[in-house]
Amino acid sequence: MPKILEISSASVGYNEDIILKDVNLDIFDNDFIGVIGPNGGGKTTLLKLLLGELKPIKGNVIYYPTSSNETLFGYLPQSVNIDKKFPITVLEVVLSGLMSKKGMAGRYTASDKKLALEMLDKIGIANLRNSTIGELSGGQLQRTFLSRALVSHPRLLILDEPNTFVDNKFEKELYELLKELNKDMAIVMVSHDLGTITSHVKTIACVNRNLHYHPSNSITSEQLAAYDCPIQIIAHGPVPHTVLGKHN
């Protein structure tokens, strides 16, 4: 399977504060990696390292593009800072996902608009294409930015807690969509909900200052403890409940 990127013995942080140390990770086409770990453990820092927004203090990140016009990344952040009073429509937001290929002065073609409308239809919000972002709910805005992340058909889709603002109906549709997308692209997804993502991802990366890669979607509490990955395990069932670790 062709390799998309390789992180080799990378340490990364902000100024003198090292957040992640000696990270090693290879990502290949059609991977579906679930990233878990405690708050403050470095999950978002890992995503910034993947995206090239942070450079390693030591070690390397190597990318393996297949062509010069390839879109390597599509990115859906956990939250998007946007002025909801700005007069931009849903369709225009999605079209902006093609800007890296067009350049600042490039104009969108009829073919570009067709791609954007097809993506909006796939995500289920084609009816909102002429709505301004100020008219959208949190879930609709999240769907809009997911469409934007996907419209350029990236080789790797990076998602930071994608179900934060979506409603229950779309959450189910989202995972079904990701399963289909994974046939054509790799996916890296951060989530706190281990019980849900293990049903969908192929492998797991536990992040807590270090990164421990688990080459399976089946992981036990003992393995989490060995990885020093103290996350809350959420179980789904007819009675809401949380299982706490042993305590005296």
Protein backbone atom coordinates (compact mmCIF):
# COMPACT_ATOMS: atom_id res chain seq x y z
CA MET A 1 0.00 0.00 0.00
CA PRO A 2 1.50 3.43 -0.94
CA LYS A 3 2.68 5.56 1.96
CA ILE A 4 1.20 9.04 2.49
CA LEU A 5 3.51 10.29 5.22
CA GLU A 6 6.07 9.16 7.76
CA ILE A 7 6.79 10.64 11.18
CA SER A 8 10.20 9.57 12.43
CA SER A 9 11.41 10.17 16.03
CA ALA A 10 9.68 13.56 16.06
CA SER A 11 9.42 15.76 19.14
CA VAL A 12 7.18 18.79 18.92
CA GLY A 13 5.98 21.55 21.19
CA TYR A 14 5.59 25.25 21.74
CA ASN A 15 8.73 27.25 22.60
CA GLU A 16 10.48 25.19 25.31
CA ASP A 17 7.42 23.11 26.23
CA ILE A 18 7.65 19.65 24.62
CA ILE A 19 4.13 18.28 24.07
CA LEU A 20 4.96 15.13 22.10
CA LYS A 21 8.22 13.24 22.33
CA ASP A 22 9.81 10.69 19.97
CA VAL A 23 6.70 10.10 17.86
CA ASN A 24 6.86 7.45 15.14
CA LEU A 25 3.92 6.88 12.80
CA ASP A 26 3.44 5.80 9.19
CA ILE A 27 0.17 6.51 7.37
CA PHE A 28 -0.74 4.61 4.23
CA ASP A 29 -3.51 4.90 1.66
CA ASN A 30 -6.84 3.62 3.03
CA ASP A 31 -5.69 3.62 6.67
CA PHE A 32 -8.41 4.53 9.17
CA ILE A 33 -6.69 5.51 12.43
CA GLY A 34 -8.57 6.46 15.58
CA VAL A 35 -6.60 8.81 17.84
CA ILE A 36 -7.47 8.64 21.54
CA GLY A 37 -5.96 10.01 24.73
CA PRO A 38 -6.58 12.35 27.69
CA ASN A 39 -7.16 16.09 27.39
CA GLY A 40 -3.82 17.86 27.17
CA GLY A 41 -2.07 14.67 26.05
CA GLY A 42 -1.17 16.05 22.61
CA LYS A 43 -3.88 14.87 20.22
CA THR A 44 -4.41 18.27 18.59
CA THR A 45 -0.64 18.82 18.51
CA LEU A 46 -0.32 15.55 16.59
CA LEU A 47 -2.85 16.76 14.01
CA LYS A 48 -0.94 20.04 13.60
CA LEU A 49 2.23 18.01 13.08
CA LEU A 50 0.52 15.91 10.40
CA LEU A 51 -0.78 19.02 8.65
CA GLY A 52 2.61 20.73 8.72
CA GLU A 53 1.33 23.56 10.93
CA LEU A 54 3.96 22.65 13.52
CA LYS A 55 7.52 21.69 12.65
CA PRO A 56 9.29 19.08 14.79
CA ILE A 57 11.96 20.32 17.16
CA LYS A 58 13.80 17.12 16.32
CA GLY A 59 13.03 14.23 14.01
CA ASN A 60 11.29 14.39 10.64
CA VAL A 61 7.94 14.36 8.88
CA ILE A 62 8.21 13.14 5.28
CA TYR A 63 5.35 13.38 2.78
CA TYR A 64 4.95 11.12 -0.24
CA PRO A 65 2.77 12.89 -2.84
CA THR A 66 1.80 10.92 -5.92
CA SER A 67 1.44 13.97 -8.18
CA SER A 68 2.07 17.72 -8.16
CA ASN A 69 -1.65 18.64 -8.29
CA GLU A 70 -2.72 16.21 -5.57
CA THR A 71 -4.59 17.52 -2.53
CA LEU A 72 -2.86 15.74 0.33
CA PHE A 73 -5.08 16.83 3.25
CA GLY A 74 -8.67 17.61 4.03
CA TYR A 75 -9.13 18.90 7.58
CA LEU A 76 -12.18 19.32 9.80
CA PRO A 77 -11.19 21.05 13.07
CA GLN A 78 -13.11 20.58 16.29
CA SER A 79 -14.32 24.16 16.12
CA VAL A 80 -14.14 26.76 13.39
CA ASN A 81 -13.57 30.42 14.20
CA ILE A 82 -15.73 32.26 11.71
CA ASP A 83 -17.68 35.48 11.75
CA LYS A 84 -21.25 34.31 11.30
CA LYS A 85 -22.22 37.83 10.22
CA PHE A 86 -19.96 37.56 7.18
CA PRO A 87 -22.17 37.35 4.07
CA ILE A 88 -20.92 34.07 2.61
CA THR A 89 -23.14 31.22 1.51
CA VAL A 90 -22.78 27.50 2.17
CA LEU A 91 -21.88 26.91 -1.49
CA GLU A 92 -19.16 29.57 -1.34
CA VAL A 93 -17.69 28.01 1.82
CA VAL A 94 -17.47 24.62 0.12
CA LEU A 95 -15.96 26.12 -3.04
CA SER A 96 -13.23 27.70 -0.91
CA GLY A 97 -11.97 24.16 -0.31
CA LEU A 98 -10.74 24.24 -3.93
CA MET A 99 -8.75 27.45 -3.44
CA SER A 100 -5.41 25.68 -3.00
CA LYS A 101 -5.74 24.38 -6.54
CA LYS A 102 -7.06 27.65 -7.99
CA GLY A 103 -4.82 30.23 -6.35
CA MET A 104 -6.08 33.49 -4.89
CA ALA A 105 -6.89 35.00 -8.30
CA GLY A 106 -8.42 31.87 -9.80
CA ARG A 107 -12.10 31.80 -10.67
CA TYR A 108 -14.39 28.93 -9.94
CA THR A 109 -15.64 27.12 -13.02
CA ALA A 110 -18.94 25.42 -13.71
CA SER A 111 -17.13 22.14 -13.06
CA ASP A 112 -16.01 23.40 -9.63
CA LYS A 113 -19.57 24.36 -8.73
CA LYS A 114 -20.81 20.97 -9.88
CA LEU A 115 -18.27 19.28 -7.57
CA ALA A 116 -19.34 21.45 -4.64
CA LEU A 117 -23.05 20.80 -5.22
CA GLU A 118 -22.44 17.05 -5.50
CA MET A 119 -20.58 17.12 -2.18
CA LEU A 120 -23.36 19.10 -0.48
CA ASP A 121 -25.85 16.57 -1.77
CA LYS A 122 -23.70 13.71 -0.46
CA ILE A 123 -23.52 15.31 2.99
CA GLY A 124 -27.25 16.01 2.93
CA ILE A 125 -27.40 19.81 2.90
CA ALA A 126 -27.81 20.66 -0.81
CA ASN A 127 -31.00 22.49 0.14
CA LEU A 128 -28.90 24.95 2.17
CA ARG A 129 -26.51 25.87 -0.65
CA ASN A 130 -27.74 29.49 -0.86
CA SER A 131 -28.11 29.96 2.91
CA THR A 132 -25.62 32.24 4.65
CA ILE A 133 -23.49 30.79 7.44
CA GLY A 134 -25.27 33.01 9.94
CA GLU A 135 -28.48 31.09 9.31
CA LEU A 136 -26.98 27.69 10.14
CA SER A 137 -27.21 25.60 13.29
CA GLY A 138 -24.04 24.15 14.80
CA GLY A 139 -24.68 20.79 13.13
CA GLN A 140 -25.36 22.37 9.74
CA LEU A 141 -22.19 24.43 10.01
CA GLN A 142 -20.21 21.28 10.83
CA ARG A 143 -21.65 19.55 7.76
CA THR A 144 -20.73 22.56 5.65
CA PHE A 145 -17.09 22.47 6.75
CA LEU A 146 -16.96 18.70 6.29
CA SER A 147 -18.10 19.28 2.69
CA ARG A 148 -15.36 21.87 2.34
CA ALA A 149 -12.75 19.40 3.63
CA LEU A 150 -13.87 16.77 1.13
CA VAL A 151 -14.57 18.75 -2.04
CA SER A 152 -10.97 18.57 -3.31
CA HIS A 153 -10.93 14.76 -2.83
CA PRO A 154 -7.94 14.70 -0.45
CA ARG A 155 -5.75 11.66 -0.03
CA LEU A 156 -5.94 11.95 3.78
CA LEU A 157 -8.95 13.25 5.71
CA ILE A 158 -8.13 14.52 9.23
CA LEU A 159 -11.02 14.90 11.68
CA ASP A 160 -10.81 16.42 15.17
CA GLU A 161 -13.84 15.25 17.18
CA PRO A 162 -16.16 15.36 14.13
CA ASN A 163 -19.31 14.52 16.09
CA THR A 164 -18.97 17.47 18.50
CA PHE A 165 -21.81 19.50 17.00
CA VAL A 166 -23.72 16.99 14.88
CA ASP A 167 -27.13 15.64 15.81
CA ASN A 168 -27.72 11.95 16.55
CA LYS A 169 -29.16 11.28 13.09
CA PHE A 170 -26.17 12.71 11.27
CA GLU A 171 -23.70 11.03 13.64
CA LYS A 172 -24.87 7.64 12.34
CA GLU A 173 -24.81 8.92 8.76
CA LEU A 174 -21.33 10.36 9.35
CA TYR A 175 -19.80 7.01 10.25
CA GLU A 176 -21.50 5.36 7.27
CA LEU A 177 -20.12 8.12 5.05
CA LEU A 178 -16.62 7.71 6.51
CA LYS A 179 -16.76 3.98 5.78
CA GLU A 180 -17.47 4.75 2.12
CA LEU A 181 -14.86 7.51 1.95
CA ASN A 182 -12.24 5.19 3.41
CA LYS A 183 -12.39 3.13 0.22
CA ASP A 184 -10.80 6.08 -1.59
CA MET A 185 -8.82 7.92 1.09
CA ALA A 186 -7.07 7.47 4.42
CA ILE A 187 -8.70 8.89 7.54
CA VAL A 188 -7.25 10.01 10.88
CA MET A 189 -9.94 10.77 13.46
CA VAL A 190 -9.59 12.09 17.01
CA SER A 191 -12.34 10.99 19.38
CA HIS A 192 -12.97 10.62 23.10
CA ASP A 193 -15.56 7.90 22.48
CA LEU A 194 -13.54 4.69 22.31
CA GLY A 195 -16.69 2.58 22.40
CA THR A 196 -17.95 4.11 19.15
CA ILE A 197 -14.77 4.51 17.13
CA THR A 198 -13.59 0.94 17.67
CA SER A 199 -16.59 -0.13 15.60
CA HIS A 200 -15.37 1.94 12.66
CA VAL A 201 -11.59 2.52 12.70
CA LYS A 202 -9.01 -0.06 11.64
CA THR A 203 -6.19 0.87 14.03
CA ILE A 204 -5.71 3.02 17.12
CA ALA A 205 -3.09 5.54 18.20
CA CYS A 206 -2.98 6.28 21.94
CA VAL A 207 -1.54 9.75 22.55
CA ASN A 208 -0.37 10.97 25.95
CA ARG A 209 2.90 12.88 25.49
CA ASN A 210 4.08 9.82 23.57
CA LEU A 211 2.33 7.91 20.81
CA HIS A 212 1.61 4.19 21.03
CA TYR A 213 0.30 2.67 17.82
CA HIS A 214 -2.04 -0.31 18.16
CA PRO A 215 -2.42 -2.20 14.84
CA SER A 216 -6.01 -3.24 15.53
CA ASN A 217 -9.36 -1.69 16.45
CA SER A 218 -9.68 -4.02 19.44
CA ILE A 219 -8.01 -2.68 22.57
CA THR A 220 -8.35 -3.67 26.23
CA SER A 221 -8.18 -1.61 29.41
CA GLU A 222 -4.94 -3.45 30.26
CA GLN A 223 -3.40 -2.33 26.97
CA LEU A 224 -4.56 1.23 27.58
CA ALA A 225 -2.88 1.15 30.99
CA ALA A 226 0.31 -0.23 29.43
CA TYR A 227 0.22 2.61 26.88
CA ASP A 228 -0.27 5.13 29.73
CA CYS A 229 -3.45 6.25 28.01
CA PRO A 230 -5.95 7.04 30.83
CA ILE A 231 -9.11 7.71 28.84
CA GLN A 232 -12.70 7.19 29.86
CA ILE A 233 -14.30 4.14 28.25
CA ILE A 234 -17.94 4.78 27.29
CA ALA A 235 -20.24 1.77 26.91
CA HIS A 236 -23.42 2.02 24.80
CA GLY A 237 -26.54 0.24 25.95
CA PRO A 238 -30.14 0.68 27.06
CA VAL A 239 -29.13 2.05 30.46
CA PRO A 240 -26.75 5.07 30.48
CA HIS A 241 -23.76 4.32 32.68
CA THR A 242 -20.07 4.98 33.15
CA VAL A 243 -17.65 2.36 34.41
CA LEU A 244 -14.97 3.85 36.67
CA GLY A 245 -11.55 2.38 37.29
CA LYS A 246 -10.74 0.68 40.58
CA HIS A 247 -10.25 3.00 43.52
CA ASN A 248 -9.83 2.63 47.27
